Amino acid sequence: MPPLVILSKAAAAKLAALPEIERSAALAALEDLPRKFGQPHLHSGLGIRRLRSDVFEFRASRTLRGLFYRETGRIYVDRFGGHDEIRDYLRNRR
């Protein structure tokens, strides 16, 4: 059974505020994420990469990235943003 995807309030708010085309792409990526995470041959289209030991990034659209971490049976999507937004968030999150 694939892990459950849970969005933080910040991620849900950003997703709701996106233009329709970008929101559709992000929702499609969220649907693929639980099935493809941890399977490198499958997740290449999502561009999943490890940013820290427990934090990962996926490509939700051409310009939008999703930041997530995984716990047993769950994937927590913490936020969406551009490359620079994600980098700045991680830098300030320490």
N, C-alpha and C. Protein backbone atom coordinates (compact mmCIF):
# COMPACT_ATOMS: atom_id res chain seq x y z
N MET A 1 0.84 -1.18 0.00
CA MET A 1 0.00 0.00 0.00
C MET A 1 0.89 1.24 0.00
N PRO A 2 0.65 2.19 -0.94
CA PRO A 2 1.46 3.41 -0.97
C PRO A 2 1.22 4.27 0.26
N PRO A 3 2.21 5.07 0.63
CA PRO A 3 2.04 5.95 1.79
C PRO A 3 0.97 7.01 1.55
N LEU A 4 0.39 7.47 2.61
CA LEU A 4 -0.60 8.54 2.59
C LEU A 4 0.12 9.88 2.45
N VAL A 5 -0.39 10.78 1.61
CA VAL A 5 0.19 12.11 1.45
C VAL A 5 -0.61 13.10 2.27
N ILE A 6 0.08 13.84 3.12
CA ILE A 6 -0.55 14.84 3.98
C ILE A 6 0.08 16.21 3.67
N LEU A 7 -0.76 17.21 3.45
CA LEU A 7 -0.29 18.56 3.16
C LEU A 7 -0.34 19.41 4.43
N SER A 8 0.70 20.20 4.66
CA SER A 8 0.66 21.18 5.74
C SER A 8 -0.32 22.29 5.34
N LYS A 9 -0.68 23.13 6.30
CA LYS A 9 -1.56 24.25 5.99
C LYS A 9 -0.92 25.17 4.96
N ALA A 10 0.39 25.41 5.09
CA ALA A 10 1.11 26.27 4.14
C ALA A 10 1.08 25.68 2.73
N ALA A 11 1.30 24.37 2.62
CA ALA A 11 1.30 23.71 1.31
C ALA A 11 -0.10 23.75 0.70
N ALA A 12 -1.12 23.49 1.50
CA ALA A 12 -2.50 23.51 1.00
C ALA A 12 -2.90 24.91 0.54
N ALA A 13 -2.49 25.93 1.28
CA ALA A 13 -2.82 27.31 0.91
C ALA A 13 -2.13 27.70 -0.40
N LYS A 14 -0.87 27.34 -0.54
CA LYS A 14 -0.13 27.65 -1.77
C LYS A 14 -0.76 26.93 -2.95
N LEU A 15 -1.10 25.67 -2.76
CA LEU A 15 -1.72 24.87 -3.82
C LEU A 15 -3.04 25.50 -4.26
N ALA A 16 -3.86 25.93 -3.31
CA ALA A 16 -5.15 26.54 -3.63
C ALA A 16 -4.99 27.87 -4.37
N ALA A 17 -3.89 28.58 -4.13
CA ALA A 17 -3.68 29.89 -4.74
C ALA A 17 -3.03 29.82 -6.13
N LEU A 18 -2.60 28.65 -6.54
CA LEU A 18 -1.92 28.51 -7.83
C LEU A 18 -2.89 28.68 -8.99
N PRO A 19 -2.38 29.16 -10.13
CA PRO A 19 -3.21 29.17 -11.34
C PRO A 19 -3.61 27.73 -11.70
N GLU A 20 -4.73 27.57 -12.35
CA GLU A 20 -5.30 26.25 -12.64
C GLU A 20 -4.31 25.28 -13.30
N ILE A 21 -3.56 25.72 -14.27
CA ILE A 21 -2.63 24.83 -14.97
C ILE A 21 -1.54 24.34 -14.02
N GLU A 22 -1.00 25.23 -13.24
CA GLU A 22 0.05 24.85 -12.30
C GLU A 22 -0.51 23.97 -11.17
N ARG A 23 -1.72 24.27 -10.72
CA ARG A 23 -2.36 23.46 -9.67
C ARG A 23 -2.60 22.04 -10.18
N SER A 24 -3.05 21.90 -11.43
CA SER A 24 -3.28 20.58 -12.02
C SER A 24 -1.99 19.78 -12.08
N ALA A 25 -0.89 20.44 -12.48
CA ALA A 25 0.40 19.76 -12.54
C ALA A 25 0.85 19.33 -11.15
N ALA A 26 0.66 20.20 -10.17
CA ALA A 26 1.06 19.87 -8.79
C ALA A 26 0.23 18.71 -8.25
N LEU A 27 -1.06 18.70 -8.53
CA LEU A 27 -1.92 17.60 -8.07
C LEU A 27 -1.52 16.28 -8.72
N ALA A 28 -1.16 16.33 -9.99
CA ALA A 28 -0.70 15.11 -10.67
C ALA A 28 0.59 14.59 -10.04
N ALA A 29 1.49 15.51 -9.72
CA ALA A 29 2.75 15.11 -9.06
C ALA A 29 2.47 14.52 -7.68
N LEU A 30 1.55 15.12 -6.94
CA LEU A 30 1.19 14.60 -5.62
C LEU A 30 0.59 13.20 -5.72
N GLU A 31 -0.15 12.96 -6.78
CA GLU A 31 -0.74 11.63 -6.98
C GLU A 31 0.34 10.59 -7.28
N ASP A 32 1.36 10.99 -8.03
CA ASP A 32 2.46 10.08 -8.38
C ASP A 32 3.45 9.85 -7.24
N LEU A 33 3.60 10.83 -6.38
CA LEU A 33 4.64 10.80 -5.35
C LEU A 33 4.65 9.54 -4.49
N PRO A 34 3.52 9.10 -3.91
CA PRO A 34 3.59 7.93 -3.03
C PRO A 34 3.98 6.64 -3.75
N ARG A 35 3.60 6.51 -5.01
CA ARG A 35 3.93 5.30 -5.76
C ARG A 35 5.36 5.28 -6.25
N LYS A 36 5.93 6.46 -6.48
CA LYS A 36 7.24 6.53 -7.12
C LYS A 36 8.41 6.83 -6.18
N PHE A 37 8.11 7.38 -5.00
CA PHE A 37 9.19 7.71 -4.07
C PHE A 37 9.91 6.43 -3.64
N GLY A 38 11.23 6.46 -3.70
CA GLY A 38 12.03 5.30 -3.33
C GLY A 38 12.26 4.33 -4.46
N GLN A 39 11.78 4.65 -5.66
CA GLN A 39 11.98 3.80 -6.83
C GLN A 39 12.62 4.67 -7.92
N PRO A 40 13.94 4.78 -7.92
CA PRO A 40 14.63 5.71 -8.81
C PRO A 40 14.27 5.61 -10.28
N HIS A 41 13.99 4.43 -10.78
CA HIS A 41 13.64 4.31 -12.20
C HIS A 41 12.28 4.91 -12.50
N LEU A 42 11.43 4.97 -11.51
CA LEU A 42 10.09 5.53 -11.71
C LEU A 42 10.02 7.01 -11.38
N HIS A 43 10.75 7.46 -10.36
CA HIS A 43 10.57 8.84 -9.91
C HIS A 43 11.41 9.87 -10.66
N SER A 44 12.11 9.47 -11.70
CA SER A 44 12.95 10.45 -12.42
C SER A 44 12.12 11.60 -12.98
N GLY A 45 10.88 11.34 -13.41
CA GLY A 45 10.03 12.40 -13.93
C GLY A 45 9.63 13.42 -12.87
N LEU A 46 9.62 13.01 -11.62
CA LEU A 46 9.29 13.92 -10.53
C LEU A 46 10.51 14.69 -10.05
N GLY A 47 11.68 14.28 -10.49
CA GLY A 47 12.90 14.98 -10.09
C GLY A 47 13.14 14.95 -8.59
N ILE A 48 12.80 13.87 -7.94
CA ILE A 48 12.97 13.77 -6.49
C ILE A 48 14.45 13.79 -6.14
N ARG A 49 14.78 14.61 -5.17
CA ARG A 49 16.16 14.61 -4.70
C ARG A 49 16.19 14.94 -3.20
N ARG A 50 17.21 14.38 -2.57
CA ARG A 50 17.39 14.58 -1.13
C ARG A 50 18.07 15.92 -0.91
N LEU A 51 17.50 16.75 -0.04
CA LEU A 51 18.08 18.05 0.28
C LEU A 51 18.82 18.02 1.61
N ARG A 52 18.32 17.21 2.52
CA ARG A 52 18.93 16.95 3.82
C ARG A 52 18.68 15.48 4.11
N SER A 53 19.21 15.00 5.21
CA SER A 53 19.06 13.57 5.49
C SER A 53 17.60 13.12 5.53
N ASP A 54 16.70 13.99 5.95
CA ASP A 54 15.29 13.61 6.08
C ASP A 54 14.34 14.49 5.28
N VAL A 55 14.86 15.35 4.42
CA VAL A 55 14.04 16.29 3.65
C VAL A 55 14.29 16.08 2.17
N PHE A 56 13.21 16.04 1.39
CA PHE A 56 13.29 15.80 -0.04
C PHE A 56 12.53 16.88 -0.80
N GLU A 57 12.83 16.96 -2.08
CA GLU A 57 12.17 17.91 -2.97
C GLU A 57 11.65 17.13 -4.17
N PHE A 58 10.51 17.54 -4.70
CA PHE A 58 10.03 16.97 -5.96
C PHE A 58 9.58 18.10 -6.87
N ARG A 59 9.58 17.82 -8.16
CA ARG A 59 9.19 18.80 -9.16
C ARG A 59 7.68 18.68 -9.37
N ALA A 60 6.95 19.72 -9.01
CA ALA A 60 5.50 19.74 -9.17
C ALA A 60 5.11 20.30 -10.54
N SER A 61 5.92 21.19 -11.07
CA SER A 61 5.73 21.75 -12.42
C SER A 61 7.11 22.27 -12.86
N ARG A 62 7.13 22.91 -13.98
CA ARG A 62 8.41 23.42 -14.49
C ARG A 62 9.09 24.38 -13.51
N THR A 63 8.31 25.18 -12.82
CA THR A 63 8.88 26.18 -11.92
C THR A 63 8.57 25.95 -10.44
N LEU A 64 7.70 25.00 -10.15
CA LEU A 64 7.24 24.78 -8.78
C LEU A 64 7.84 23.50 -8.20
N ARG A 65 8.32 23.62 -6.97
CA ARG A 65 8.88 22.47 -6.25
C ARG A 65 8.06 22.21 -5.00
N GLY A 66 8.05 20.96 -4.58
CA GLY A 66 7.40 20.59 -3.33
C GLY A 66 8.45 20.07 -2.36
N LEU A 67 8.35 20.46 -1.13
CA LEU A 67 9.29 20.04 -0.08
C LEU A 67 8.56 19.04 0.80
N PHE A 68 9.19 17.87 1.04
CA PHE A 68 8.51 16.87 1.84
C PHE A 68 9.48 16.05 2.67
N TYR A 69 8.93 15.36 3.65
CA TYR A 69 9.69 14.38 4.42
C TYR A 69 8.78 13.18 4.61
N ARG A 70 9.39 12.06 4.94
CA ARG A 70 8.64 10.83 5.05
C ARG A 70 8.79 10.21 6.43
N GLU A 71 7.68 9.76 6.94
CA GLU A 71 7.65 8.96 8.15
C GLU A 71 6.92 7.68 7.79
N THR A 72 6.98 6.70 8.61
CA THR A 72 6.38 5.41 8.31
C THR A 72 4.94 5.56 7.83
N GLY A 73 4.73 5.14 6.59
CA GLY A 73 3.39 5.14 6.03
C GLY A 73 2.82 6.48 5.62
N ARG A 74 3.62 7.56 5.76
CA ARG A 74 3.11 8.89 5.42
C ARG A 74 4.19 9.73 4.74
N ILE A 75 3.73 10.57 3.81
CA ILE A 75 4.58 11.58 3.19
C ILE A 75 3.97 12.93 3.56
N TYR A 76 4.75 13.77 4.24
CA TYR A 76 4.29 15.09 4.65
C TYR A 76 4.85 16.13 3.69
N VAL A 77 3.97 16.78 2.95
CA VAL A 77 4.39 17.86 2.05
C VAL A 77 4.30 19.14 2.86
N ASP A 78 5.47 19.72 3.12
CA ASP A 78 5.56 20.89 4.00
C ASP A 78 5.24 22.18 3.29
N ARG A 79 5.66 22.29 2.04
CA ARG A 79 5.38 23.52 1.31
C ARG A 79 5.67 23.37 -0.17
N PHE A 80 5.13 24.33 -0.94
CA PHE A 80 5.42 24.46 -2.36
C PHE A 80 6.08 25.80 -2.57
N GLY A 81 6.94 25.88 -3.57
CA GLY A 81 7.57 27.14 -3.91
C GLY A 81 8.55 26.97 -5.05
N GLY A 82 9.07 28.07 -5.52
CA GLY A 82 10.12 28.02 -6.52
C GLY A 82 11.42 27.55 -5.88
N HIS A 83 12.40 27.31 -6.71
CA HIS A 83 13.69 26.83 -6.22
C HIS A 83 14.26 27.74 -5.13
N ASP A 84 14.24 29.04 -5.36
CA ASP A 84 14.79 29.99 -4.39
C ASP A 84 13.97 30.02 -3.09
N GLU A 85 12.65 29.93 -3.21
CA GLU A 85 11.80 29.93 -2.00
C GLU A 85 12.10 28.71 -1.12
N ILE A 86 12.27 27.57 -1.75
CA ILE A 86 12.56 26.34 -1.01
C ILE A 86 13.92 26.45 -0.34
N ARG A 87 14.90 26.94 -1.08
CA ARG A 87 16.25 27.10 -0.53
C ARG A 87 16.24 28.05 0.66
N ASP A 88 15.57 29.19 0.51
CA ASP A 88 15.50 30.16 1.61
C ASP A 88 14.76 29.60 2.82
N TYR A 89 13.69 28.88 2.58
CA TYR A 89 12.93 28.27 3.69
C TYR A 89 13.82 27.30 4.47
N LEU A 90 14.55 26.46 3.77
CA LEU A 90 15.43 25.50 4.45
C LEU A 90 16.54 26.21 5.19
N ARG A 91 17.07 27.25 4.62
CA ARG A 91 18.15 28.00 5.26
C ARG A 91 17.67 28.62 6.58
N ASN A 92 16.44 29.10 6.61
CA ASN A 92 15.89 29.75 7.80
C ASN A 92 15.28 28.78 8.79
N ARG A 93 15.10 27.53 8.39
CA ARG A 93 14.41 26.54 9.21
C ARG A 93 15.31 25.87 10.25
N ARG A 94 16.55 25.83 10.05
CA ARG A 94 17.53 25.13 10.90
C ARG A 94 16.97 24.80 12.19
